[in-house]
Protein backbone atom coordinates (compact mmCIF):
# COMPACT_ATOMS: atom_id res chain seq x y z
CA MET A 1 -27.58 -24.02 -52.53
CA ASP A 2 -31.13 -24.17 -54.03
CA ASN A 3 -34.15 -24.73 -51.60
CA ASP A 4 -35.85 -26.94 -54.24
CA ALA A 5 -33.01 -29.31 -54.14
CA GLN A 6 -33.44 -29.74 -50.44
CA ARG A 7 -37.06 -30.31 -50.65
CA THR A 8 -37.69 -33.98 -51.51
CA GLU A 9 -40.88 -36.15 -51.67
CA ARG A 10 -42.08 -36.82 -48.17
CA ARG A 11 -44.52 -39.52 -47.19
CA CYS A 12 -46.37 -40.16 -44.00
CA PRO A 13 -44.61 -42.94 -42.08
CA THR A 14 -47.89 -44.51 -41.16
CA CYS A 15 -49.95 -44.75 -44.33
CA LEU A 16 -47.34 -43.69 -46.77
CA ALA A 17 -49.55 -40.90 -48.23
CA LEU A 18 -47.70 -38.14 -50.08
CA MET A 19 -47.11 -35.13 -47.93
CA PRO A 20 -47.08 -31.51 -49.13
CA THR A 21 -43.45 -30.29 -49.63
CA GLY A 22 -43.73 -27.05 -47.60
CA THR A 23 -45.21 -28.71 -44.38
CA ARG A 24 -43.19 -29.49 -41.16
CA ARG A 25 -45.63 -32.13 -40.05
CA ARG A 26 -44.39 -35.66 -39.70
CA TYR A 27 -47.77 -37.29 -40.06
CA CYS A 28 -50.55 -36.50 -42.50
CA THR A 29 -53.55 -36.83 -40.06
CA PRO A 30 -54.02 -37.05 -36.33
CA ALA A 31 -55.15 -40.63 -36.67
CA CYS A 32 -51.87 -41.47 -38.37
CA LYS A 33 -50.06 -39.71 -35.49
CA THR A 34 -51.83 -41.75 -32.82
CA GLU A 35 -51.07 -44.92 -34.82
CA GLY A 36 -47.36 -43.96 -35.12
CA TRP A 37 -47.18 -43.31 -31.39
CA ARG A 38 -48.88 -46.71 -30.63
CA ARG A 39 -46.36 -48.46 -33.05
CA ASP A 40 -43.36 -46.66 -31.41
CA HIS A 41 -44.47 -47.28 -27.79
CA THR A 42 -45.61 -50.98 -27.93
CA ASP A 43 -44.08 -51.52 -24.41
CA ARG A 44 -46.79 -49.18 -23.00
CA THR A 45 -49.87 -50.31 -25.11
CA ASP A 46 -49.38 -54.03 -25.01
CA ARG A 47 -50.15 -54.54 -21.46
CA THR A 48 -52.98 -57.22 -21.24
CA ASP A 49 -52.59 -57.63 -17.50
CA ARG A 50 -53.92 -54.04 -16.79
CA GLN A 51 -57.50 -53.89 -15.92
CA PRO A 52 -59.40 -50.57 -15.72
CA THR A 53 -60.30 -49.82 -12.19
CA PRO A 54 -63.98 -49.22 -11.69
CA ARG A 55 -65.03 -45.98 -10.07
CA ARG A 56 -66.70 -46.51 -6.80
CA THR A 57 -69.02 -43.95 -5.10
CA PRO A 58 -68.28 -43.59 -1.48
CA ALA A 59 -70.79 -45.12 0.80
CA PRO A 60 -72.58 -42.56 3.10
CA PRO A 61 -71.21 -42.68 6.62
CA PRO A 62 -73.15 -44.71 9.11
CA PRO A 63 -75.15 -42.85 11.64
CA ALA A 64 -73.48 -42.35 14.93
CA THR A 65 -76.37 -43.91 16.84
CA ILE A 66 -80.05 -44.54 16.59
CA ARG A 67 -82.30 -43.45 19.38
CA ASP A 68 -86.01 -43.19 19.90
CA CYS A 69 -87.60 -39.70 19.48
CA PRO A 70 -88.64 -38.36 22.93
CA HIS A 71 -91.83 -36.93 21.41
CA CYS A 72 -93.28 -39.73 19.22
CA GLY A 73 -91.04 -42.80 20.00
CA ALA A 74 -89.99 -43.37 16.25
CA PRO A 75 -86.31 -44.24 15.68
CA ILE A 76 -84.09 -41.26 14.60
CA ALA A 77 -80.53 -41.16 13.66
CA ILE A 78 -78.17 -39.02 15.55
CA VAL A 79 -75.30 -38.10 13.20
CA ALA A 80 -72.11 -36.52 14.48
CA LEU A 81 -70.85 -33.65 12.32
CA LEU A 82 -67.41 -32.18 12.41
CA THR A 83 -67.36 -28.46 13.02
CA THR A 84 -64.95 -25.77 14.11
CA PRO A 85 -64.81 -24.94 17.79
CA HIS A 86 -66.33 -21.43 17.16
CA VAL A 87 -69.39 -22.98 15.45
CA ALA A 88 -69.77 -25.81 17.96
CA ARG A 89 -70.35 -23.41 20.85
CA PRO A 90 -73.93 -22.43 21.04
CA ASP A 91 -74.82 -18.84 21.29
CA THR A 92 -77.20 -18.20 24.15
CA PRO A 93 -79.49 -15.12 24.16
CA HIS A 94 -78.55 -12.61 26.92
CA ASP A 95 -82.04 -11.15 27.16
CA ILE A 96 -84.08 -14.01 28.58
CA ARG A 97 -87.26 -13.03 30.55
């Protein structure tokens, strides 16, 4: 069987542009490929009820409590931090004079 007889004129299914005979591509350009996908998947792209969700930055955590500074009397925030038990234990010096 002759290979030239098997090769027929091919056209892009989106824009009907003439395709080279030796190519295995279905579409002539990436834009035509995207348009073909949208045409074939209309059930996924025609959703008008879908609204994009806005990204929200998380609010900073509120301070644990607000107290007055023992030195100047100005308000200060006491914030509780989560740590591991090893870090939470203070290391007292052994050589106190």
